[in-house]
Amino acid sequence: MIEVIFEKTGLPQDVLQVRESPAPEPKADEVQIQVKARNINPSDLMFIQGRYGIQPTLPSSAGFEAAGVVSKSDADGKIPVGTRVMFTAQGTNTGTWREYITLPSKQVIPMPDGMSFEVACQAFVNPVTAVAMVQKSKLKAGEWLLLTAGASAFGKFAIQVAKSKGIKVACTVRHDEQKSYLTNLGADLVINTEKEDLRKEISDQIGEGVSAVFDAVGGVLGAKALNCLKQSGTMYVFGLLSMQNMPVNTGMMIFKEITIEGFWLTSELQRISKEERAQLYKETQAFLMSDDSTAEVAETFPLTEIKAAIEAYNTPGRNGKILLVS
């Protein structure tokens, strides 16, 4: 089989390799999956650079999220051959950027009828995180949510999830062409932080500020977003796209009684009950299958063209995911 690996951490375009390897054989409690589609997420690239919460065991394969077809069942036949499944390999020593993968049968989720591999391979990390964070925020209809990196895959899912609950959404972008795109997706206010003052726009349009911020960026933009919170507001930090720590105004935290809280989906899923996880997945799948939901694909590449895929991923102003397909 073909797989993408790296023998040292570093920039993906420098360290990723394509090689031929034997297909892995499943243990008694595992299934073998022929992988059909995988997406590229920021967490994948941070993992390759050794900058993620989970560290690679080198040499390592890459990729956390994918969808495919069960090619060999587990010993008990819980997931039959031919079942279309979606899954994440986060927390394992196996990446999804390969033609075949083995995983515990309890770790894979059968795909809903009518869902494509292109949607299913995006159905875990970003949409589940979006649904879980909106739930955790306890925002009510009419309250304001601010998203940094609004045009990211997560941002677009979060806009749609929030709007389905009547929550008002403001978001930041860095390119003017993304403003109308996100407005059409449901955002109430889109601010180009390369040209507009974030705090001033929030103050002019919203007044007292937003009830919650979902921050994917950190750094200076994260600090500016934090300053947009209303009294007793909460910032949920779940990403670090800027690769820079966020400077924090301690006085503002004290006098506005602001809370900053980290969010990592891996820990959240371990913390909640089996029943709560099942309900979270059910709500996410229902959202993805609704007519109002959009999960866009910008370009697709075979595994052998991983460096071209990374280059496409890094294209400024890109709309839609970059997928690796078989």
C-alpha atoms as a PDB file:
ATOM      1  CA  MET A   1       0.000   0.000   0.000  1.00  0.00           C
ATOM      2  CA  ILE A   2       0.983   3.657  -0.352  1.00  0.00           C
ATOM      3  CA  GLU A   3       1.390   5.738   2.800  1.00  0.00           C
ATOM      4  CA  VAL A   4       2.696   9.176   3.767  1.00  0.00           C
ATOM      5  CA  ILE A   5       5.239   9.195   6.605  1.00  0.00           C
ATOM      6  CA  PHE A   6       7.814  11.456   8.228  1.00  0.00           C
ATOM      7  CA  GLU A   7      11.055  10.386   9.958  1.00  0.00           C
ATOM      8  CA  LYS A   8      11.674  13.712  11.692  1.00  0.00           C
ATOM      9  CA  THR A   9       9.470  16.627  12.686  1.00  0.00           C
ATOM     10  CA  GLY A  10       9.492  19.804  10.630  1.00  0.00           C
ATOM     11  CA  LEU A  11       7.616  21.679   7.934  1.00  0.00           C
ATOM     12  CA  PRO A  12       5.356  19.199   6.097  1.00  0.00           C
ATOM     13  CA  GLN A  13       6.709  20.127   2.649  1.00  0.00           C
ATOM     14  CA  ASP A  14      10.232  19.317   3.905  1.00  0.00           C
ATOM     15  CA  VAL A  15       9.738  16.099   5.887  1.00  0.00           C
ATOM     16  CA  LEU A  16       6.822  14.165   4.352  1.00  0.00           C
ATOM     17  CA  GLN A  17       7.665  11.103   2.250  1.00  0.00           C
ATOM     18  CA  VAL A  18       5.581   8.696   0.153  1.00  0.00           C
ATOM     19  CA  ARG A  19       6.488   5.027   0.444  1.00  0.00           C
ATOM     20  CA  GLU A  20       5.196   1.516  -0.287  1.00  0.00           C
ATOM     21  CA  SER A  21       4.444  -0.633   2.790  1.00  0.00           C
ATOM     22  CA  PRO A  22       2.573  -3.872   3.563  1.00  0.00           C
ATOM     23  CA  ALA A  23      -1.096  -3.362   4.449  1.00  0.00           C
ATOM     24  CA  PRO A  24      -1.634  -3.740   8.216  1.00  0.00           C
ATOM     25  CA  GLU A  25      -3.536  -6.813   9.479  1.00  0.00           C
ATOM     26  CA  PRO A  26      -6.279  -6.288  12.101  1.00  0.00           C
ATOM     27  CA  LYS A  27      -6.181  -7.747  15.614  1.00  0.00           C
ATOM     28  CA  ALA A  28      -9.226  -9.586  16.959  1.00  0.00           C
ATOM     29  CA  ASP A  29     -10.943  -6.392  18.163  1.00  0.00           C
ATOM     30  CA  GLU A  30      -9.967  -4.354  15.100  1.00  0.00           C
ATOM     31  CA  VAL A  31     -11.190  -3.795  11.570  1.00  0.00           C
ATOM     32  CA  GLN A  32      -9.122  -3.134   8.474  1.00  0.00           C
ATOM     33  CA  ILE A  33     -10.363  -0.144   6.466  1.00  0.00           C
ATOM     34  CA  GLN A  34      -9.643   0.779   2.869  1.00  0.00           C
ATOM     35  CA  VAL A  35      -9.373   4.543   3.174  1.00  0.00           C
ATOM     36  CA  LYS A  36     -11.222   6.491   0.469  1.00  0.00           C
ATOM     37  CA  ALA A  37     -10.901  10.155   1.535  1.00  0.00           C
ATOM     38  CA  ARG A  38      -8.908  12.133   4.094  1.00  0.00           C
ATOM     39  CA  ASN A  39      -8.816  15.859   4.774  1.00  0.00           C
ATOM     40  CA  ILE A  40      -5.967  18.129   5.842  1.00  0.00           C
ATOM     41  CA  ASN A  41      -6.517  19.927   9.139  1.00  0.00           C
ATOM     42  CA  PRO A  42      -4.295  22.420  11.028  1.00  0.00           C
ATOM     43  CA  SER A  43      -3.863  19.775  13.747  1.00  0.00           C
ATOM     44  CA  ASP A  44      -2.322  17.387  11.174  1.00  0.00           C
ATOM     45  CA  LEU A  45       0.310  19.950  10.193  1.00  0.00           C
ATOM     46  CA  MET A  46       1.067  20.898  13.806  1.00  0.00           C
ATOM     47  CA  PHE A  47       1.492  17.174  14.617  1.00  0.00           C
ATOM     48  CA  ILE A  48       4.026  16.791  11.786  1.00  0.00           C
ATOM     49  CA  GLN A  49       5.931  19.784  13.202  1.00  0.00           C
ATOM     50  CA  GLY A  50       5.899  18.342  16.730  1.00  0.00           C
ATOM     51  CA  ARG A  51       3.787  21.263  17.967  1.00  0.00           C
ATOM     52  CA  TYR A  52       0.561  19.422  18.839  1.00  0.00           C
ATOM     53  CA  GLY A  53      -0.738  18.055  22.156  1.00  0.00           C
ATOM     54  CA  ILE A  54       0.046  14.517  20.949  1.00  0.00           C
ATOM     55  CA  GLN A  55       3.671  13.868  19.990  1.00  0.00           C
ATOM     56  CA  PRO A  56       4.615  11.528  17.109  1.00  0.00           C
ATOM     57  CA  THR A  57       6.592   8.316  17.633  1.00  0.00           C
ATOM     58  CA  LEU A  58       9.098   8.486  14.798  1.00  0.00           C
ATOM     59  CA  PRO A  59       8.991   7.374  12.085  1.00  0.00           C
ATOM     60  CA  SER A  60       5.292   8.269  12.007  1.00  0.00           C
ATOM     61  CA  SER A  61       2.432   8.323   9.571  1.00  0.00           C
ATOM     62  CA  ALA A  62       0.243  11.430   9.423  1.00  0.00           C
ATOM     63  CA  GLY A  63      -3.424  12.426   9.309  1.00  0.00           C
ATOM     64  CA  PHE A  64      -6.103  12.274  12.003  1.00  0.00           C
ATOM     65  CA  GLU A  65      -9.420  12.071  10.135  1.00  0.00           C
ATOM     66  CA  ALA A  66     -10.795  10.006   7.221  1.00  0.00           C
ATOM     67  CA  ALA A  67     -13.579   7.849   5.759  1.00  0.00           C
ATOM     68  CA  GLY A  68     -13.515   4.503   3.974  1.00  0.00           C
ATOM     69  CA  VAL A  69     -14.870   0.988   3.628  1.00  0.00           C
ATOM     70  CA  VAL A  70     -14.268  -1.935   6.011  1.00  0.00           C
ATOM     71  CA  SER A  71     -12.167  -4.468   4.081  1.00  0.00           C
ATOM     72  CA  LYS A  72     -11.654  -6.989   6.934  1.00  0.00           C
ATOM     73  CA  SER A  73     -14.039  -7.328   9.875  1.00  0.00           C
ATOM     74  CA  ASP A  74     -13.249  -7.771  13.560  1.00  0.00           C
ATOM     75  CA  ALA A  75     -13.358 -11.298  15.033  1.00  0.00           C
ATOM     76  CA  ASP A  76     -16.914 -10.815  16.376  1.00  0.00           C
ATOM     77  CA  GLY A  77     -18.200  -9.343  13.120  1.00  0.00           C
ATOM     78  CA  LYS A  78     -19.498  -6.185  14.819  1.00  0.00           C
ATOM     79  CA  ILE A  79     -18.586  -4.083  11.773  1.00  0.00           C
ATOM     80  CA  PRO A  80     -19.156  -6.224   8.625  1.00  0.00           C
ATOM     81  CA  VAL A  81     -16.999  -6.075   5.503  1.00  0.00           C
ATOM     82  CA  GLY A  82     -18.349  -3.432   3.125  1.00  0.00           C
ATOM     83  CA  THR A  83     -19.566  -1.066   5.870  1.00  0.00           C
ATOM     84  CA  ARG A  84     -18.892   2.568   4.976  1.00  0.00           C
ATOM     85  CA  VAL A  85     -17.297   4.219   8.018  1.00  0.00           C
ATOM     86  CA  MET A  86     -15.816   7.496   9.221  1.00  0.00           C
ATOM     87  CA  PHE A  87     -13.196   7.688  11.936  1.00  0.00           C
ATOM     88  CA  THR A  88     -10.362   9.550  13.598  1.00  0.00           C
ATOM     89  CA  ALA A  89      -6.941   8.092  14.336  1.00  0.00           C
ATOM     90  CA  GLN A  90      -6.130  10.761  16.930  1.00  0.00           C
ATOM     91  CA  GLY A  91      -4.613   9.171  20.013  1.00  0.00           C
ATOM     92  CA  THR A  92      -3.248   6.160  18.079  1.00  0.00           C
ATOM     93  CA  ASN A  93       0.148   5.481  16.484  1.00  0.00           C
ATOM     94  CA  THR A  94      -1.456   5.206  13.056  1.00  0.00           C
ATOM     95  CA  GLY A  95      -2.219   8.029  10.629  1.00  0.00           C
ATOM     96  CA  THR A  96      -4.948   8.158   7.998  1.00  0.00           C
ATOM     97  CA  TRP A  97      -2.763   9.281   5.075  1.00  0.00           C
ATOM     98  CA  ARG A  98      -2.392   5.702   3.836  1.00  0.00           C
ATOM     99  CA  GLU A  99      -4.405   3.299   1.694  1.00  0.00           C
ATOM    100  CA  TYR A 100      -5.279   0.899   4.542  1.00  0.00           C
ATOM    101  CA  ILE A 101      -5.580   1.363   8.286  1.00  0.00           C
ATOM    102  CA  THR A 102      -6.539  -0.851  11.242  1.00  0.00           C
ATOM    103  CA  LEU A 103      -8.514   0.532  14.180  1.00  0.00           C
ATOM    104  CA  PRO A 104     -10.544  -0.873  17.100  1.00  0.00           C
ATOM    105  CA  SER A 105     -14.092  -1.555  15.905  1.00  0.00           C
ATOM    106  CA  LYS A 106     -15.478   0.628  18.712  1.00  0.00           C
ATOM    107  CA  GLN A 107     -13.574   3.594  17.275  1.00  0.00           C
ATOM    108  CA  VAL A 108     -15.279   3.689  13.857  1.00  0.00           C
ATOM    109  CA  ILE A 109     -18.682   5.209  13.097  1.00  0.00           C
ATOM    110  CA  PRO A 110     -20.908   3.854  10.294  1.00  0.00           C
ATOM    111  CA  MET A 111     -21.682   6.592   7.762  1.00  0.00           C
ATOM    112  CA  PRO A 112     -25.310   7.707   7.356  1.00  0.00           C
ATOM    113  CA  ASP A 113     -27.012   6.641   4.131  1.00  0.00           C
ATOM    114  CA  GLY A 114     -26.540   9.281   1.469  1.00  0.00           C
ATOM    115  CA  MET A 115     -23.394  10.807   2.970  1.00  0.00           C
ATOM    116  CA  SER A 116     -20.433  10.983   0.578  1.00  0.00           C
ATOM    117  CA  PHE A 117     -16.861  10.062   1.507  1.00  0.00           C
ATOM    118  CA  GLU A 118     -15.929  13.709   0.797  1.00  0.00           C
ATOM    119  CA  VAL A 119     -18.319  14.899   3.523  1.00  0.00           C
ATOM    120  CA  ALA A 120     -17.695  11.980   5.900  1.00  0.00           C
ATOM    121  CA  CYS A 121     -13.945  12.574   6.006  1.00  0.00           C
ATOM    122  CA  GLN A 122     -14.721  16.077   7.320  1.00  0.00           C
ATOM    123  CA  ALA A 123     -17.398  14.875   9.722  1.00  0.00           C
ATOM    124  CA  PHE A 124     -15.415  14.470  12.883  1.00  0.00           C
ATOM    125  CA  VAL A 125     -12.816  17.033  13.940  1.00  0.00           C
ATOM    126  CA  ASN A 126     -14.331  20.350  12.817  1.00  0.00           C
ATOM    127  CA  PRO A 127     -18.109  19.762  12.910  1.00  0.00           C
ATOM    128  CA  VAL A 128     -18.032  17.739  16.155  1.00  0.00           C
ATOM    129  CA  THR A 129     -15.852  20.451  17.719  1.00  0.00           C
ATOM    130  CA  ALA A 130     -18.252  23.144  16.474  1.00  0.00           C
ATOM    131  CA  VAL A 131     -21.317  21.390  17.883  1.00  0.00           C
ATOM    132  CA  ALA A 132     -19.543  20.583  21.180  1.00  0.00           C
ATOM    133  CA  MET A 133     -18.278  24.149  21.652  1.00  0.00           C
ATOM    134  CA  VAL A 134     -21.669  25.719  20.911  1.00  0.00           C
ATOM    135  CA  GLN A 135     -23.190  23.316  23.448  1.00  0.00           C
ATOM    136  CA  LYS A 136     -20.491  24.129  26.016  1.00  0.00           C
ATOM    137  CA  SER A 137     -20.913  27.891  25.568  1.00  0.00           C
ATOM    138  CA  LYS A 138     -24.621  27.674  26.515  1.00  0.00           C
ATOM    139  CA  LEU A 139     -25.278  30.662  24.256  1.00  0.00           C
ATOM    140  CA  LYS A 140     -28.943  31.536  23.814  1.00  0.00           C
ATOM    141  CA  ALA A 141     -30.771  32.723  20.718  1.00  0.00           C
ATOM    142  CA  GLY A 142     -30.029  36.413  20.134  1.00  0.00           C
ATOM    143  CA  GLU A 143     -26.664  36.409  21.941  1.00  0.00           C
ATOM    144  CA  TRP A 144     -23.469  37.207  20.031  1.00  0.00           C
ATOM    145  CA  LEU A 145     -20.575  34.832  19.278  1.00  0.00           C
ATOM    146  CA  LEU A 146     -17.254  36.033  17.782  1.00  0.00           C
ATOM    147  CA  LEU A 147     -15.167  33.599  15.717  1.00  0.00           C
ATOM    148  CA  THR A 148     -11.559  34.276  14.785  1.00  0.00           C
ATOM    149  CA  ALA A 149     -10.522  32.705  11.436  1.00  0.00           C
ATOM    150  CA  GLY A 150     -14.146  32.693  10.347  1.00  0.00           C
ATOM    151  CA  ALA A 151     -13.295  31.363   6.870  1.00  0.00           C
ATOM    152  CA  SER A 152     -11.584  28.248   8.238  1.00  0.00           C
ATOM    153  CA  ALA A 153     -13.348  24.885   7.972  1.00  0.00           C
ATOM    154  CA  PHE A 154     -14.196  25.055  11.677  1.00  0.00           C
ATOM    155  CA  GLY A 155     -15.388  28.655  11.368  1.00  0.00           C
ATOM    156  CA  LYS A 156     -17.794  27.809   8.556  1.00  0.00           C
ATOM    157  CA  PHE A 157     -19.244  24.867  10.483  1.00  0.00           C
ATOM    158  CA  ALA A 158     -19.511  26.976  13.666  1.00  0.00           C
ATOM    159  CA  ILE A 159     -21.372  29.728  11.783  1.00  0.00           C
ATOM    160  CA  GLN A 160     -23.910  27.208  10.531  1.00  0.00           C
ATOM    161  CA  VAL A 161     -24.338  25.428  13.884  1.00  0.00           C
ATOM    162  CA  ALA A 162     -24.750  28.722  15.764  1.00  0.00           C
ATOM    163  CA  LYS A 163     -27.235  30.131  13.244  1.00  0.00           C
ATOM    164  CA  SER A 164     -29.334  26.957  13.468  1.00  0.00           C
ATOM    165  CA  LYS A 165     -29.809  27.844  17.161  1.00  0.00           C
ATOM    166  CA  GLY A 166     -30.580  31.529  16.580  1.00  0.00           C
ATOM    167  CA  ILE A 167     -27.189  32.751  17.852  1.00  0.00           C
ATOM    168  CA  LYS A 168     -25.808  35.893  16.178  1.00  0.00           C
ATOM    169  CA  VAL A 169     -22.336  35.448  14.692  1.00  0.00           C
ATOM    170  CA  ALA A 170     -19.492  37.897  14.084  1.00  0.00           C
ATOM    171  CA  CYS A 171     -16.256  36.628  12.565  1.00  0.00           C
ATOM    172  CA  THR A 172     -12.844  37.786  11.399  1.00  0.00           C
ATOM    173  CA  VAL A 173     -11.251  37.261   7.977  1.00  0.00           C
ATOM    174  CA  ARG A 174      -8.127  38.551   6.199  1.00  0.00           C
ATOM    175  CA  HIS A 175      -9.473  38.834   2.633  1.00  0.00           C
ATOM    176  CA  ASP A 176     -12.370  40.986   1.383  1.00  0.00           C
ATOM    177  CA  GLU A 177     -13.711  38.264  -0.915  1.00  0.00           C
ATOM    178  CA  GLN A 178     -14.422  36.121   2.156  1.00  0.00           C
ATOM    179  CA  LYS A 179     -16.831  38.710   3.607  1.00  0.00           C
ATOM    180  CA  SER A 180     -19.724  38.096   1.195  1.00  0.00           C
ATOM    181  CA  TYR A 181     -19.018  34.355   1.253  1.00  0.00           C
ATOM    182  CA  LEU A 182     -19.460  34.130   5.042  1.00  0.00           C
ATOM    183  CA  THR A 183     -22.414  36.527   5.029  1.00  0.00           C
ATOM    184  CA  ASN A 184     -24.156  34.226   2.560  1.00  0.00           C
ATOM    185  CA  LEU A 185     -23.332  31.316   4.866  1.00  0.00           C
ATOM    186  CA  GLY A 186     -25.140  33.062   7.729  1.00  0.00           C
ATOM    187  CA  ALA A 187     -22.666  35.361   9.492  1.00  0.00           C
ATOM    188  CA  ASP A 188     -24.242  38.596  10.759  1.00  0.00           C
ATOM    189  CA  LEU A 189     -21.013  40.608  10.847  1.00  0.00           C
ATOM    190  CA  VAL A 190     -17.718  39.906   9.032  1.00  0.00           C
ATOM    191  CA  ILE A 191     -14.639  42.017   9.788  1.00  0.00           C
ATOM    192  CA  ASN A 192     -11.467  42.098   7.705  1.00  0.00           C
ATOM    193  CA  THR A 193      -8.861  42.602  10.419  1.00  0.00           C
ATOM    194  CA  GLU A 194      -6.229  43.518   7.817  1.00  0.00           C
ATOM    195  CA  LYS A 195      -8.196  46.712   7.066  1.00  0.00           C
ATOM    196  CA  GLU A 196     -10.691  47.262   9.912  1.00  0.00           C
ATOM    197  CA  ASP A 197     -10.345  47.771  13.655  1.00  0.00           C
ATOM    198  CA  LEU A 198     -11.941  44.733  15.301  1.00  0.00           C
ATOM    199  CA  ARG A 199     -12.823  46.357  18.634  1.00  0.00           C
ATOM    200  CA  LYS A 200     -14.261  49.468  16.975  1.00  0.00           C
ATOM    201  CA  GLU A 201     -16.414  47.439  14.558  1.00  0.00           C
ATOM    202  CA  ILE A 202     -17.750  45.277  17.395  1.00  0.00           C
ATOM    203  CA  SER A 203     -18.459  48.356  19.513  1.00  0.00           C
ATOM    204  CA  ASP A 204     -20.172  50.199  16.648  1.00  0.00           C
ATOM    205  CA  GLN A 205     -22.303  47.247  15.552  1.00  0.00           C
ATOM    206  CA  ILE A 206     -22.961  45.394  18.816  1.00  0.00           C
ATOM    207  CA  GLY A 207     -22.342  47.903  21.600  1.00  0.00           C
ATOM    208  CA  GLU A 208     -21.477  46.201  24.864  1.00  0.00           C
ATOM    209  CA  GLY A 209     -19.615  43.340  23.177  1.00  0.00           C
ATOM    210  CA  VAL A 210     -20.036  39.623  22.488  1.00  0.00           C
ATOM    211  CA  SER A 211     -20.986  36.952  25.007  1.00  0.00           C
ATOM    212  CA  ALA A 212     -18.409  34.421  23.806  1.00  0.00           C
ATOM    213  CA  VAL A 213     -15.339  34.137  21.582  1.00  0.00           C
ATOM    214  CA  PHE A 214     -14.132  30.938  19.893  1.00  0.00           C
ATOM    215  CA  ASP A 215     -10.457  31.656  19.209  1.00  0.00           C
ATOM    216  CA  ALA A 216      -8.453  29.583  16.730  1.00  0.00           C
ATOM    217  CA  VAL A 217      -5.626  32.060  16.213  1.00  0.00           C
ATOM    218  CA  GLY A 218      -4.019  33.256  19.459  1.00  0.00           C
ATOM    219  CA  GLY A 219      -1.366  35.958  19.264  1.00  0.00           C
ATOM    220  CA  VAL A 220      -2.325  39.601  18.737  1.00  0.00           C
ATOM    221  CA  LEU A 221      -5.649  38.792  17.052  1.00  0.00           C
ATOM    222  CA  GLY A 222      -6.641  36.594  19.995  1.00  0.00           C
ATOM    223  CA  ALA A 223      -5.914  39.480  22.368  1.00  0.00           C
ATOM    224  CA  LYS A 224      -8.017  41.856  20.255  1.00  0.00           C
ATOM    225  CA  ALA A 225     -10.878  39.337  20.223  1.00  0.00           C
ATOM    226  CA  LEU A 226     -10.639  38.961  24.005  1.00  0.00           C
ATOM    227  CA  ASN A 227     -11.124  42.721  24.288  1.00  0.00           C
ATOM    228  CA  CYS A 228     -14.441  42.384  22.431  1.00  0.00           C
ATOM    229  CA  LEU A 229     -16.095  40.385  25.211  1.00  0.00           C
ATOM    230  CA  LYS A 230     -18.907  41.914  27.239  1.00  0.00           C
ATOM    231  CA  GLN A 231     -19.010  41.853  31.043  1.00  0.00           C
ATOM    232  CA  SER A 232     -18.595  38.258  32.332  1.00  0.00           C
ATOM    233  CA  GLY A 233     -18.013  36.934  28.795  1.00  0.00           C
ATOM    234  CA  THR A 234     -15.975  33.811  28.019  1.00  0.00           C
ATOM    235  CA  MET A 235     -13.260  33.081  25.465  1.00  0.00           C
ATOM    236  CA  TYR A 236     -12.837  29.431  24.430  1.00  0.00           C
ATOM    237  CA  VAL A 237      -9.336  28.869  23.036  1.00  0.00           C
ATOM    238  CA  PHE A 238      -8.995  25.819  20.780  1.00  0.00           C
ATOM    239  CA  GLY A 239      -6.297  26.669  18.231  1.00  0.00           C
ATOM    240  CA  LEU A 240      -3.039  28.530  17.662  1.00  0.00           C
ATOM    241  CA  LEU A 241      -2.915  29.271  13.941  1.00  0.00           C
ATOM    242  CA  SER A 242      -0.647  32.273  14.510  1.00  0.00           C
ATOM    243  CA  MET A 243       1.860  30.073  16.387  1.00  0.00           C
ATOM    244  CA  GLN A 244       2.101  33.000  18.854  1.00  0.00           C
ATOM    245  CA  ASN A 245       0.974  33.087  22.476  1.00  0.00           C
ATOM    246  CA  MET A 246      -1.777  35.573  23.287  1.00  0.00           C
ATOM    247  CA  PRO A 247      -0.845  38.638  25.394  1.00  0.00           C
ATOM    248  CA  VAL A 248      -3.492  39.056  28.083  1.00  0.00           C
ATOM    249  CA  ASN A 249      -4.732  42.331  29.635  1.00  0.00           C
ATOM    250  CA  THR A 250      -4.928  41.331  33.297  1.00  0.00           C
ATOM    251  CA  GLY A 251      -6.818  44.462  34.381  1.00  0.00           C
ATOM    252  CA  MET A 252      -9.531  43.865  31.802  1.00  0.00           C
ATOM    253  CA  MET A 253      -9.915  40.279  33.030  1.00  0.00           C
ATOM    254  CA  ILE A 254     -10.363  41.514  36.584  1.00  0.00           C
ATOM    255  CA  PHE A 255     -12.759  44.384  36.050  1.00  0.00           C
ATOM    256  CA  LYS A 256     -14.825  42.793  33.290  1.00  0.00           C
ATOM    257  CA  GLU A 257     -14.729  39.376  35.079  1.00  0.00           C
ATOM    258  CA  ILE A 258     -13.763  37.646  31.851  1.00  0.00           C
ATOM    259  CA  THR A 259     -13.022  33.914  31.657  1.00  0.00           C
ATOM    260  CA  ILE A 260     -10.514  32.236  29.322  1.00  0.00           C
ATOM    261  CA  GLU A 261     -11.034  28.507  28.911  1.00  0.00           C
ATOM    262  CA  GLY A 262      -9.153  25.978  26.800  1.00  0.00           C
ATOM    263  CA  PHE A 263     -10.998  23.433  24.636  1.00  0.00           C
ATOM    264  CA  TRP A 264      -9.521  20.233  23.166  1.00  0.00           C
ATOM    265  CA  LEU A 265     -11.956  17.783  21.596  1.00  0.00           C
ATOM    266  CA  THR A 266      -9.881  14.733  22.563  1.00  0.00           C
ATOM    267  CA  SER A 267     -10.144  15.585  26.279  1.00  0.00           C
ATOM    268  CA  GLU A 268     -13.810  16.609  25.980  1.00  0.00           C
ATOM    269  CA  LEU A 269     -14.762  13.237  24.458  1.00  0.00           C
ATOM    270  CA  GLN A 270     -12.919  11.396  27.231  1.00  0.00           C
ATOM    271  CA  ARG A 271     -14.625  13.503  29.896  1.00  0.00           C
ATOM    272  CA  ILE A 272     -18.249  13.079  28.808  1.00  0.00           C
ATOM    273  CA  SER A 273     -20.265   9.874  29.121  1.00  0.00           C
ATOM    274  CA  LYS A 274     -20.796   7.287  26.369  1.00  0.00           C
ATOM    275  CA  GLU A 275     -24.409   8.440  26.064  1.00  0.00           C
ATOM    276  CA  GLU A 276     -23.344  12.095  25.761  1.00  0.00           C
ATOM    277  CA  ARG A 277     -20.821  11.172  23.054  1.00  0.00           C
ATOM    278  CA  ALA A 278     -23.481   9.254  21.135  1.00  0.00           C
ATOM    279  CA  GLN A 279     -25.837  12.248  21.340  1.00  0.00           C
ATOM    280  CA  LEU A 280     -23.051  14.597  20.205  1.00  0.00           C
ATOM    281  CA  TYR A 281     -22.329  12.415  17.151  1.00  0.00           C
ATOM    282  CA  LYS A 282     -26.042  12.104  16.404  1.00  0.00           C
ATOM    283  CA  GLU A 283     -26.547  15.879  16.474  1.00  0.00           C
ATOM    284  CA  THR A 284     -23.454  16.420  14.318  1.00  0.00           C
ATOM    285  CA  GLN A 285     -24.576  13.885  11.709  1.00  0.00           C
ATOM    286  CA  ALA A 286     -28.055  15.381  11.617  1.00  0.00           C
ATOM    287  CA  PHE A 287     -26.512  18.808  11.057  1.00  0.00           C
ATOM    288  CA  LEU A 288     -24.243  17.542   8.251  1.00  0.00           C
ATOM    289  CA  MET A 289     -27.146  15.792   6.498  1.00  0.00           C
ATOM    290  CA  SER A 290     -29.483  18.794   6.659  1.00  0.00           C
ATOM    291  CA  ASP A 291     -30.207  20.757   3.492  1.00  0.00           C
ATOM    292  CA  ASP A 292     -28.851  23.934   5.112  1.00  0.00           C
ATOM    293  CA  SER A 293     -25.426  22.433   5.865  1.00  0.00           C
ATOM    294  CA  THR A 294     -22.426  23.068   3.603  1.00  0.00           C
ATOM    295  CA  ALA A 295     -19.160  21.077   3.673  1.00  0.00           C
ATOM    296  CA  GLU A 296     -17.140  22.350   0.741  1.00  0.00           C
ATOM    297  CA  VAL A 297     -14.152  20.841  -1.063  1.00  0.00           C
ATOM    298  CA  ALA A 298     -11.650  23.127  -2.789  1.00  0.00           C
ATOM    299  CA  GLU A 299      -9.413  20.484  -4.426  1.00  0.00           C
ATOM    300  CA  THR A 300      -8.609  16.758  -4.255  1.00  0.00           C
ATOM    301  CA  PHE A 301      -5.214  15.059  -4.649  1.00  0.00           C
ATOM    302  CA  PRO A 302      -3.945  11.461  -4.587  1.00  0.00           C
ATOM    303  CA  LEU A 303      -1.606  10.482  -1.753  1.00  0.00           C
ATOM    304  CA  THR A 304       1.331  10.490  -4.158  1.00  0.00           C
ATOM    305  CA  GLU A 305       0.849  14.247  -4.631  1.00  0.00           C
ATOM    306  CA  ILE A 306       0.970  15.130  -0.931  1.00  0.00           C
ATOM    307  CA  LYS A 307       3.361  18.073  -1.435  1.00  0.00           C
ATOM    308  CA  ALA A 308       1.076  19.619  -4.070  1.00  0.00           C
ATOM    309  CA  ALA A 309      -1.830  19.132  -1.649  1.00  0.00           C
ATOM    310  CA  ILE A 310       0.082  20.931   1.126  1.00  0.00           C
ATOM    311  CA  GLU A 311       0.842  23.792  -1.286  1.00  0.00           C
ATOM    312  CA  ALA A 312      -2.861  24.057  -2.169  1.00  0.00           C
ATOM    313  CA  TYR A 313      -3.743  23.980   1.549  1.00  0.00           C
ATOM    314  CA  ASN A 314      -1.457  26.979   2.128  1.00  0.00           C
ATOM    315  CA  THR A 315      -3.120  29.069  -0.621  1.00  0.00           C
ATOM    316  CA  PRO A 316      -4.275  32.402   0.921  1.00  0.00           C
ATOM    317  CA  GLY A 317      -8.033  33.012   0.856  1.00  0.00           C
ATOM    318  CA  ARG A 318      -8.862  29.386   0.006  1.00  0.00           C
ATOM    319  CA  ASN A 319     -12.497  28.321   0.458  1.00  0.00           C
ATOM    320  CA  GLY A 320     -13.155  24.618   1.019  1.00  0.00           C
ATOM    321  CA  LYS A 321     -11.096  21.696   2.283  1.00  0.00           C
ATOM    322  CA  ILE A 322      -8.135  20.048   0.599  1.00  0.00           C
ATOM    323  CA  LEU A 323      -8.721  16.277   0.413  1.00  0.00           C
ATOM    324  CA  LEU A 324      -6.459  13.297  -0.199  1.00  0.00           C
ATOM    325  CA  VAL A 325      -8.458  10.644  -2.079  1.00  0.00           C
ATOM    326  CA  SER A 326      -7.983   7.063  -3.254  1.00  0.00           C
END
